[in-house]
Amino acid sequence: MTITIFVLSLLGAMALGVPIAFSLLICGVALMLHMNMFDAQILAQNLIEGSNSFPLLAVPFFMLAGEIMNAGGLSRRIVNFAMACVGHIKGGLGYVTIMAAVIMAALSGSAVADAAALASLLLPMMIAAGHDRSRSAGLIASAGIIAPVIPPSIGFVIFGVAGNVSISKLFMAGIVPGIMLGAALWVTWWWLARKELVQVPPRKSMLEIGVAMREATWALVLPLIVVFGLKFGVFTPTEAAVVAAVYALFISTVIYKELSLKSLLPLFVNAAKTSAIVMFLVAAAMVSAWLITVANLPAQLIALLQPLLDSPRLLMLTIMVITIIVGTALDMTPTILLLTPVLMPVVKAAGIDPVYFGVLFIINNAIGLITPPVGTVLNTVAGVGKISMDEVTRGVMPFMLAQFTIMFAMVAFPALVMVPARWFY
């Protein structure tokens, strides 16, 4: 009965058009009334404590770093460097998109920010060169969702806080799977674009490649700082977010000189607005998470899934399918906040490594950003690229299927995640 009230109150509020954060609060109130323990003070206390977390400080700083990187010229220089390296190959603009997306993923951790930057910079070039508009937009959208998988990742921060899992280990474990997602896009683009008749840019000379690399060096150094800093314990993930924001600010204002002090205010305001939305979602979800624990929902779910606990792979497959279904209706952050408190006890009961589960769970939620009808990244690419949502959805399908294939391969072979993860630890 408790599970039914939880699901119906949440879905009912969402069906009425109530924003996700307030739907979570309504769900919490419904559970409290059902358990005859409604107390406004408890509700307020859990709401405040939900966002009172040091690791969550990483979220606004990574948001700010992404805003500064896109406005300060770092993203553009990364695209220029990728263009100089592989732009001359047949279908080169697609490879540029994938290469730039992987590099930018190691800078911002935000799928929406990366997809918006790639769409504004590369989509007009791909269309002008003769690539199919729908397919080009689909590639950009699917490349953008690598950002939550390769560190630094806002998704890993939120999952780590919600599931009490080491964020540093999640960051390290996400490196190789993120690259594998990019490789899947590379192969899929090669197969789809091999017969296209497009205008190929001339090959850049070694001097031009050197110039492009020199201009992008300051941007390319940041991922190395973050990864090595975390691996060798120089700073925590939260401190890494501060380092990324300060570094991006310094490079954009002092080295590249593309940002003035006057232009910084809108960037700070945008980052603050986005962070406020995420943090309020986290706070509201923590109310539901506390009530989920009090109502003993995880134990009820473990009882339901008892036959699968002896088969971790089958359990992971079931969880991945459930997450895919939820991801078609909910954005990444609320999905993480809703499912993590419920699923984590089940995962631990089955003996599944929480870091391994976290990586696959975030990959699944990242792909959910390009699954219709909600698909936040699909909407972003459609808006920035000024094309219809139907076109982007049609173009993203083969790339989305390739990424799902990689995810299910990791379900079948956990070593694909854990072997390189242990090396990076």
Protein backbone atom coordinates (compact mmCIF):
# COMPACT_ATOMS: atom_id res chain seq x y z
CA MET A 1 0.00 0.00 0.00
CA THR A 2 2.87 2.39 0.85
CA ILE A 3 4.49 1.88 -2.56
CA THR A 4 1.14 2.52 -4.27
CA ILE A 5 0.60 5.80 -2.40
CA PHE A 6 4.18 6.86 -3.16
CA VAL A 7 3.82 6.23 -6.91
CA LEU A 8 0.27 7.53 -7.33
CA SER A 9 0.86 10.77 -5.39
CA LEU A 10 4.00 11.52 -7.37
CA LEU A 11 2.55 10.67 -10.79
CA GLY A 12 -0.74 12.37 -9.96
CA ALA A 13 0.95 15.65 -9.06
CA MET A 14 3.10 15.49 -12.21
CA ALA A 15 0.04 14.73 -14.35
CA LEU A 16 -1.58 17.90 -13.03
CA GLY A 17 1.41 19.90 -14.25
CA VAL A 18 2.97 20.48 -10.83
CA PRO A 19 6.76 21.09 -11.13
CA ILE A 20 8.92 18.10 -10.20
CA ALA A 21 10.31 19.62 -6.98
CA PHE A 22 6.83 20.44 -5.64
CA SER A 23 5.56 17.02 -6.79
CA LEU A 24 8.23 15.45 -4.62
CA LEU A 25 7.07 17.53 -1.64
CA ILE A 26 3.44 16.54 -2.28
CA CYS A 27 4.56 12.91 -2.44
CA GLY A 28 6.32 13.38 0.92
CA VAL A 29 3.23 14.91 2.50
CA ALA A 30 1.08 12.04 1.17
CA LEU A 31 3.42 9.49 2.73
CA MET A 32 3.44 11.35 6.05
CA LEU A 33 -0.37 11.47 6.13
CA HIS A 34 -0.56 7.78 5.27
CA MET A 35 1.78 6.92 8.16
CA ASN A 36 -0.13 9.30 10.46
CA MET A 37 3.00 11.31 11.23
CA PHE A 38 2.46 14.62 9.45
CA ASP A 39 4.51 17.41 11.01
CA ALA A 40 5.34 20.64 9.14
CA GLN A 41 8.49 21.10 11.21
CA ILE A 42 9.86 17.70 10.17
CA LEU A 43 9.06 18.55 6.55
CA ALA A 44 10.86 21.91 6.76
CA GLN A 45 13.82 20.44 8.63
CA ASN A 46 14.41 17.72 6.04
CA LEU A 47 13.98 20.24 3.23
CA ILE A 48 16.72 22.44 4.67
CA GLU A 49 19.03 19.56 5.57
CA GLY A 50 18.56 18.07 2.11
CA SER A 51 20.76 20.71 0.51
CA ASN A 52 23.04 21.24 3.52
CA SER A 53 25.84 19.08 2.13
CA PHE A 54 29.46 20.00 1.46
CA PRO A 55 29.83 17.71 -1.59
CA LEU A 56 26.81 19.43 -3.20
CA LEU A 57 28.81 22.67 -3.31
CA ALA A 58 30.43 21.13 -6.39
CA VAL A 59 27.20 21.61 -8.36
CA PRO A 60 27.13 25.46 -8.53
CA PHE A 61 30.87 25.64 -9.18
CA PHE A 62 30.73 23.14 -12.05
CA MET A 63 27.72 25.07 -13.42
CA LEU A 64 29.72 28.28 -13.24
CA ALA A 65 32.76 26.65 -14.86
CA GLY A 66 30.59 25.50 -17.79
CA GLU A 67 29.10 28.97 -18.28
CA ILE A 68 32.55 30.60 -18.27
CA MET A 69 34.08 28.02 -20.63
CA ASN A 70 31.39 28.49 -23.28
CA ALA A 71 31.45 32.29 -23.08
CA GLY A 72 35.21 32.64 -22.59
CA GLY A 73 36.34 30.92 -25.77
CA LEU A 74 37.53 27.60 -24.30
CA SER A 75 34.85 25.55 -26.09
CA ARG A 76 35.49 27.28 -29.42
CA ARG A 77 39.24 26.61 -29.24
CA ILE A 78 38.62 22.94 -28.47
CA VAL A 79 36.40 22.68 -31.57
CA ASN A 80 39.08 24.44 -33.67
CA PHE A 81 41.71 22.01 -32.40
CA ALA A 82 39.52 19.00 -33.22
CA MET A 83 38.82 20.50 -36.65
CA ALA A 84 42.53 20.86 -37.34
CA CYS A 85 43.17 17.21 -36.39
CA VAL A 86 40.34 15.31 -38.11
CA GLY A 87 38.29 17.86 -40.07
CA HIS A 88 39.79 16.82 -43.42
CA ILE A 89 38.63 13.18 -43.16
CA LYS A 90 35.44 12.19 -45.00
CA GLY A 91 32.68 12.85 -42.49
CA GLY A 92 35.29 14.80 -40.54
CA LEU A 93 32.85 17.28 -39.02
CA GLY A 94 31.11 14.39 -37.28
CA TYR A 95 34.41 13.18 -35.86
CA VAL A 96 35.16 16.75 -34.80
CA THR A 97 31.84 16.80 -32.94
CA ILE A 98 32.63 13.56 -31.08
CA MET A 99 36.23 14.53 -30.29
CA ALA A 100 35.20 17.99 -29.08
CA ALA A 101 32.35 16.52 -26.99
CA VAL A 102 34.69 14.12 -25.17
CA ILE A 103 37.17 16.91 -24.41
CA MET A 104 34.44 19.35 -23.34
CA ALA A 105 32.88 16.65 -21.15
CA ALA A 106 36.07 16.73 -19.11
CA LEU A 107 35.60 20.47 -18.60
CA SER A 108 32.00 21.18 -17.63
CA GLY A 109 30.08 18.03 -16.66
CA SER A 110 26.83 19.49 -18.03
CA ALA A 111 25.16 17.77 -20.99
CA VAL A 112 22.91 20.73 -21.78
CA ALA A 113 25.80 23.23 -21.78
CA ASP A 114 27.97 21.03 -24.01
CA ALA A 115 25.14 20.23 -26.43
CA ALA A 116 24.24 23.93 -26.72
CA ALA A 117 27.85 24.90 -27.43
CA LEU A 118 28.31 22.13 -30.02
CA ALA A 119 25.00 22.91 -31.73
CA SER A 120 25.80 26.61 -32.05
CA LEU A 121 29.35 26.02 -33.30
CA LEU A 122 29.12 22.88 -35.46
CA LEU A 123 25.54 22.32 -36.65
CA PRO A 124 25.59 25.23 -39.18
CA MET A 125 28.97 23.98 -40.49
CA MET A 126 27.69 20.41 -40.88
CA ILE A 127 24.56 21.52 -42.73
CA ALA A 128 26.58 23.84 -44.98
CA ALA A 129 28.97 20.99 -45.82
CA GLY A 130 26.05 18.86 -47.03
CA HIS A 131 25.48 16.50 -44.09
CA ASP A 132 21.91 15.42 -43.38
CA ARG A 133 20.47 18.02 -41.00
CA SER A 134 18.53 15.55 -38.88
CA ARG A 135 21.46 13.17 -38.53
CA SER A 136 23.88 15.99 -37.68
CA ALA A 137 21.60 17.31 -34.94
CA GLY A 138 21.16 13.76 -33.60
CA LEU A 139 24.92 13.24 -33.44
CA ILE A 140 25.42 16.52 -31.56
CA ALA A 141 22.69 15.63 -29.06
CA SER A 142 24.07 12.13 -28.43
CA ALA A 143 27.63 13.48 -28.15
CA GLY A 144 26.51 16.05 -25.60
CA ILE A 145 25.29 13.41 -23.15
CA ILE A 146 28.85 12.10 -22.67
CA ALA A 147 29.35 15.06 -20.30
CA PRO A 148 27.63 13.47 -17.26
CA VAL A 149 29.78 10.32 -17.59
CA ILE A 150 33.33 11.67 -17.97
CA PRO A 151 34.55 13.54 -14.87
CA PRO A 152 33.90 16.12 -13.62
CA SER A 153 30.22 15.10 -13.61
CA ILE A 154 27.35 16.85 -11.86
CA GLY A 155 25.35 13.60 -12.13
CA PHE A 156 28.01 11.67 -10.20
CA VAL A 157 28.05 14.35 -7.51
CA ILE A 158 24.28 14.12 -7.00
CA PHE A 159 24.30 10.31 -7.10
CA GLY A 160 27.23 10.14 -4.70
CA VAL A 161 25.41 12.35 -2.18
CA ALA A 162 22.07 10.53 -2.57
CA GLY A 163 23.60 7.04 -2.41
CA ASN A 164 26.47 7.72 -0.01
CA VAL A 165 29.03 6.54 -2.59
CA SER A 166 32.56 7.92 -3.03
CA ILE A 167 32.35 10.69 -5.63
CA SER A 168 36.08 10.46 -6.36
CA LYS A 169 35.75 6.75 -7.20
CA LEU A 170 32.72 7.47 -9.38
CA PHE A 171 34.71 10.13 -11.25
CA MET A 172 37.61 7.74 -11.89
CA ALA A 173 35.30 4.89 -12.90
CA GLY A 174 33.50 7.06 -15.46
CA ILE A 175 36.53 7.86 -17.62
CA VAL A 176 36.75 4.70 -19.76
CA PRO A 177 32.95 4.17 -20.12
CA GLY A 178 32.64 7.78 -21.31
CA ILE A 179 35.33 7.21 -23.92
CA MET A 180 33.57 3.98 -24.96
CA LEU A 181 30.34 5.94 -25.53
CA GLY A 182 32.31 8.31 -27.77
CA ALA A 183 33.84 5.36 -29.65
CA ALA A 184 30.35 3.92 -30.25
CA LEU A 185 29.29 7.25 -31.78
CA TRP A 186 32.47 7.31 -33.90
CA VAL A 187 31.71 3.87 -35.42
CA THR A 188 28.01 4.68 -35.92
CA TRP A 189 28.79 7.99 -37.63
CA TRP A 190 31.34 6.28 -39.91
CA TRP A 191 28.72 3.73 -40.95
CA LEU A 192 25.97 6.28 -41.56
CA ALA A 193 28.09 8.96 -43.26
CA ARG A 194 30.27 6.75 -45.45
CA LYS A 195 28.06 7.23 -48.53
CA GLU A 196 27.27 10.92 -48.07
CA LEU A 197 28.55 13.32 -50.70
CA VAL A 198 29.82 16.24 -48.63
CA GLN A 199 32.30 19.03 -49.01
CA VAL A 200 35.47 18.05 -47.12
CA PRO A 201 37.66 20.88 -45.73
CA PRO A 202 41.29 20.83 -46.86
CA ARG A 203 43.86 19.08 -44.67
CA LYS A 204 45.54 21.41 -42.21
CA SER A 205 49.31 21.68 -42.27
CA MET A 206 51.37 20.60 -39.26
CA LEU A 207 51.98 24.28 -38.56
CA GLU A 208 48.22 24.99 -38.47
CA ILE A 209 47.62 21.98 -36.23
CA GLY A 210 50.38 23.23 -33.94
CA VAL A 211 48.83 26.69 -33.78
CA ALA A 212 45.37 25.25 -33.01
CA MET A 213 46.85 23.03 -30.32
CA ARG A 214 48.76 25.92 -28.76
CA GLU A 215 45.60 28.04 -28.62
CA ALA A 216 43.65 25.17 -27.02
CA THR A 217 46.39 24.09 -24.60
CA TRP A 218 45.06 26.12 -21.69
CA ALA A 219 41.65 24.49 -22.10
CA LEU A 220 43.13 20.99 -22.56
CA VAL A 221 45.16 21.24 -19.35
CA LEU A 222 42.10 21.53 -17.10
CA PRO A 223 40.91 17.88 -17.41
CA LEU A 224 44.42 16.72 -16.53
CA ILE A 225 44.46 18.95 -13.46
CA VAL A 226 41.11 17.57 -12.27
CA VAL A 227 41.88 13.88 -12.93
CA PHE A 228 45.40 13.88 -11.48
CA GLY A 229 44.32 16.06 -8.56
CA LEU A 230 41.59 13.57 -7.64
CA LYS A 231 43.73 10.47 -8.28
CA PHE A 232 46.56 11.65 -6.04
CA GLY A 233 44.35 13.17 -3.37
CA VAL A 234 45.37 16.78 -3.95
CA PHE A 235 41.76 17.92 -3.64
CA THR A 236 38.23 16.58 -3.13
CA PRO A 237 35.56 16.63 -5.88
CA THR A 238 34.09 19.80 -4.34
CA GLU A 239 37.49 21.48 -4.35
CA ALA A 240 38.00 20.25 -7.92
CA ALA A 241 34.84 22.17 -8.91
CA VAL A 242 36.26 25.34 -7.35
CA VAL A 243 39.57 24.79 -9.14
CA ALA A 244 37.73 24.33 -12.45
CA ALA A 245 35.68 27.52 -12.00
CA VAL A 246 38.64 29.67 -10.91
CA TYR A 247 40.88 28.24 -13.64
CA ALA A 248 38.27 28.88 -16.35
CA LEU A 249 37.74 32.41 -15.03
CA PHE A 250 41.48 33.14 -15.06
CA ILE A 251 42.02 31.74 -18.57
CA SER A 252 38.98 33.54 -20.03
CA THR A 253 39.78 36.95 -18.51
CA VAL A 254 43.60 37.05 -18.34
CA ILE A 255 44.92 34.66 -21.01
CA TYR A 256 42.27 34.69 -23.75
CA LYS A 257 40.87 38.08 -22.68
CA GLU A 258 37.42 37.28 -24.11
CA LEU A 259 35.53 38.09 -20.92
CA SER A 260 35.39 41.50 -19.26
CA LEU A 261 34.38 42.10 -15.66
CA LYS A 262 31.12 43.60 -16.93
CA SER A 263 30.24 40.45 -18.89
CA LEU A 264 30.78 38.19 -15.87
CA LEU A 265 27.60 39.24 -14.06
CA PRO A 266 25.16 37.53 -16.50
CA LEU A 267 27.25 34.35 -16.34
CA PHE A 268 27.15 34.31 -12.55
CA VAL A 269 23.39 34.97 -12.60
CA ASN A 270 22.74 32.14 -15.10
CA ALA A 271 24.86 29.73 -13.07
CA ALA A 272 23.06 30.78 -9.87
CA LYS A 273 19.61 30.27 -11.43
CA THR A 274 20.47 26.82 -12.76
CA SER A 275 22.11 25.83 -9.48
CA ALA A 276 19.08 27.02 -7.51
CA ILE A 277 16.78 24.79 -9.58
CA VAL A 278 19.03 21.75 -9.06
CA MET A 279 19.55 22.40 -5.34
CA PHE A 280 15.81 22.85 -4.69
CA LEU A 281 15.20 19.57 -6.50
CA VAL A 282 17.81 17.90 -4.30
CA ALA A 283 16.30 19.38 -1.14
CA ALA A 284 12.75 18.29 -2.08
CA ALA A 285 13.96 14.82 -3.05
CA MET A 286 15.73 14.39 0.29
CA VAL A 287 12.35 14.81 2.02
CA SER A 288 10.99 11.91 -0.03
CA ALA A 289 14.22 9.93 0.52
CA TRP A 290 13.88 10.27 4.30
CA LEU A 291 10.25 9.16 4.17
CA ILE A 292 11.16 6.26 1.86
CA THR A 293 13.53 5.05 4.58
CA VAL A 294 10.98 5.58 7.38
CA ALA A 295 8.28 3.77 5.40
CA ASN A 296 10.70 0.87 4.80
CA LEU A 297 10.09 0.96 1.02
CA PRO A 298 13.54 -0.48 0.18
CA ALA A 299 12.79 -3.59 2.25
CA GLN A 300 9.48 -4.03 0.42
CA LEU A 301 11.25 -3.66 -2.92
CA ILE A 302 13.94 -6.16 -1.88
CA ALA A 303 11.16 -8.62 -1.05
CA LEU A 304 9.62 -8.09 -4.50
CA LEU A 305 12.97 -8.58 -6.23
CA GLN A 306 14.10 -11.46 -4.01
CA PRO A 307 14.17 -13.98 -6.89
CA LEU A 308 16.68 -11.75 -8.75
CA LEU A 309 19.11 -11.17 -5.88
CA ASP A 310 21.01 -14.38 -6.66
CA SER A 311 21.59 -13.21 -10.25
CA PRO A 312 23.29 -9.76 -10.16
CA ARG A 313 23.39 -9.44 -13.96
CA LEU A 314 19.67 -10.17 -14.32
CA LEU A 315 18.93 -7.73 -11.49
CA MET A 316 21.07 -5.05 -13.16
CA LEU A 317 19.28 -5.69 -16.45
CA THR A 318 15.91 -5.26 -14.72
CA ILE A 319 17.02 -2.04 -13.02
CA MET A 320 18.38 -0.65 -16.29
CA VAL A 321 15.06 -1.34 -18.06
CA ILE A 322 13.13 0.36 -15.23
CA THR A 323 15.48 3.36 -15.40
CA ILE A 324 15.01 3.62 -19.18
CA ILE A 325 11.23 3.75 -18.74
CA VAL A 326 11.45 6.37 -15.98
CA GLY A 327 13.99 8.37 -18.02
CA THR A 328 11.51 8.86 -20.85
CA ALA A 329 9.27 10.87 -18.49
CA LEU A 330 11.68 12.48 -16.01
CA ASP A 331 14.84 14.57 -16.33
CA MET A 332 18.18 13.23 -15.12
CA THR A 333 18.36 14.92 -11.70
CA PRO A 334 14.90 13.94 -10.39
CA THR A 335 15.38 10.39 -11.68
CA ILE A 336 18.64 10.07 -9.75
CA LEU A 337 17.14 11.57 -6.61
CA LEU A 338 14.00 9.43 -6.77
CA LEU A 339 15.45 6.03 -7.62
CA THR A 340 18.79 6.07 -5.81
CA PRO A 341 17.41 5.79 -2.23
CA VAL A 342 15.08 2.99 -3.35
CA LEU A 343 17.51 1.00 -5.49
CA MET A 344 20.75 1.31 -3.52
CA PRO A 345 19.68 -1.10 -0.71
CA VAL A 346 18.60 -3.62 -3.37
CA VAL A 347 21.94 -3.29 -5.15
CA LYS A 348 23.89 -3.79 -1.92
CA ALA A 349 21.73 -6.78 -0.96
CA ALA A 350 22.65 -8.42 -4.29
CA GLY A 351 26.37 -7.79 -3.68
CA ILE A 352 26.75 -5.40 -6.63
CA ASP A 353 29.57 -2.85 -6.34
CA PRO A 354 27.91 0.56 -5.68
CA VAL A 355 30.48 2.34 -7.90
CA TYR A 356 29.77 -0.03 -10.80
CA PHE A 357 26.04 0.46 -10.31
CA GLY A 358 26.51 4.24 -10.12
CA VAL A 359 28.38 4.38 -13.43
CA LEU A 360 25.73 2.36 -15.30
CA PHE A 361 22.92 4.24 -13.58
CA ILE A 362 24.36 7.62 -14.64
CA ILE A 363 25.01 6.38 -18.20
CA ASN A 364 21.38 5.27 -18.38
CA ASN A 365 20.16 8.61 -17.06
CA ALA A 366 22.44 10.47 -19.45
CA ILE A 367 20.97 8.59 -22.42
CA GLY A 368 17.58 9.47 -20.95
CA LEU A 369 18.38 13.09 -21.82
CA ILE A 370 17.97 12.18 -25.51
CA THR A 371 14.99 9.84 -25.19
CA PRO A 372 11.67 11.38 -26.26
CA PRO A 373 9.27 12.82 -25.28
CA VAL A 374 11.02 14.78 -22.49
CA GLY A 375 14.66 14.66 -23.71
CA THR A 376 16.16 17.88 -22.31
CA VAL A 377 19.18 17.72 -24.60
CA LEU A 378 16.93 17.06 -27.62
CA ASN A 379 15.01 20.23 -26.81
CA THR A 380 18.27 22.16 -26.36
CA VAL A 381 19.68 21.11 -29.74
CA ALA A 382 16.35 21.77 -31.45
CA GLY A 383 16.15 25.24 -29.92
CA VAL A 384 19.76 26.27 -30.55
CA GLY A 385 19.86 24.70 -34.02
CA LYS A 386 16.43 26.10 -34.97
CA ILE A 387 15.13 22.75 -36.25
CA SER A 388 12.07 20.75 -35.26
CA MET A 389 12.02 18.32 -32.37
CA ASP A 390 10.85 15.57 -34.74
CA GLU A 391 13.95 15.99 -36.90
CA VAL A 392 16.33 15.78 -33.94
CA THR A 393 14.49 12.75 -32.55
CA ARG A 394 14.68 10.96 -35.89
CA GLY A 395 18.38 11.74 -36.25
CA VAL A 396 19.35 10.69 -32.72
CA MET A 397 17.88 7.17 -32.88
CA PRO A 398 20.86 5.22 -34.35
CA PHE A 399 23.32 6.95 -32.01
CA MET A 400 21.09 6.35 -28.99
CA LEU A 401 20.84 2.65 -29.87
CA ALA A 402 24.66 2.46 -30.15
CA GLN A 403 25.04 3.97 -26.68
CA PHE A 404 22.43 1.63 -25.21
CA THR A 405 24.39 -1.27 -26.75
CA ILE A 406 27.52 -0.15 -24.91
CA MET A 407 25.56 0.19 -21.66
CA PHE A 408 24.08 -3.32 -21.90
CA ALA A 409 27.54 -4.70 -22.80
CA MET A 410 28.71 -3.26 -19.47
CA VAL A 411 25.79 -4.99 -17.74
CA ALA A 412 26.88 -8.31 -19.29
CA PHE A 413 30.60 -7.71 -18.65
CA PRO A 414 31.16 -5.65 -15.46
CA ALA A 415 34.94 -5.85 -16.02
CA LEU A 416 34.56 -3.25 -18.79
CA VAL A 417 33.88 -0.75 -16.00
CA MET A 418 35.68 -2.10 -12.95
CA VAL A 419 39.05 -3.17 -14.38
CA PRO A 420 40.02 0.31 -15.70
CA ALA A 421 38.30 1.91 -12.68
CA ARG A 422 40.63 0.10 -10.26
CA TRP A 423 43.63 1.30 -12.26
CA PHE A 424 42.45 4.91 -12.04
CA TYR A 425 41.77 4.59 -8.30
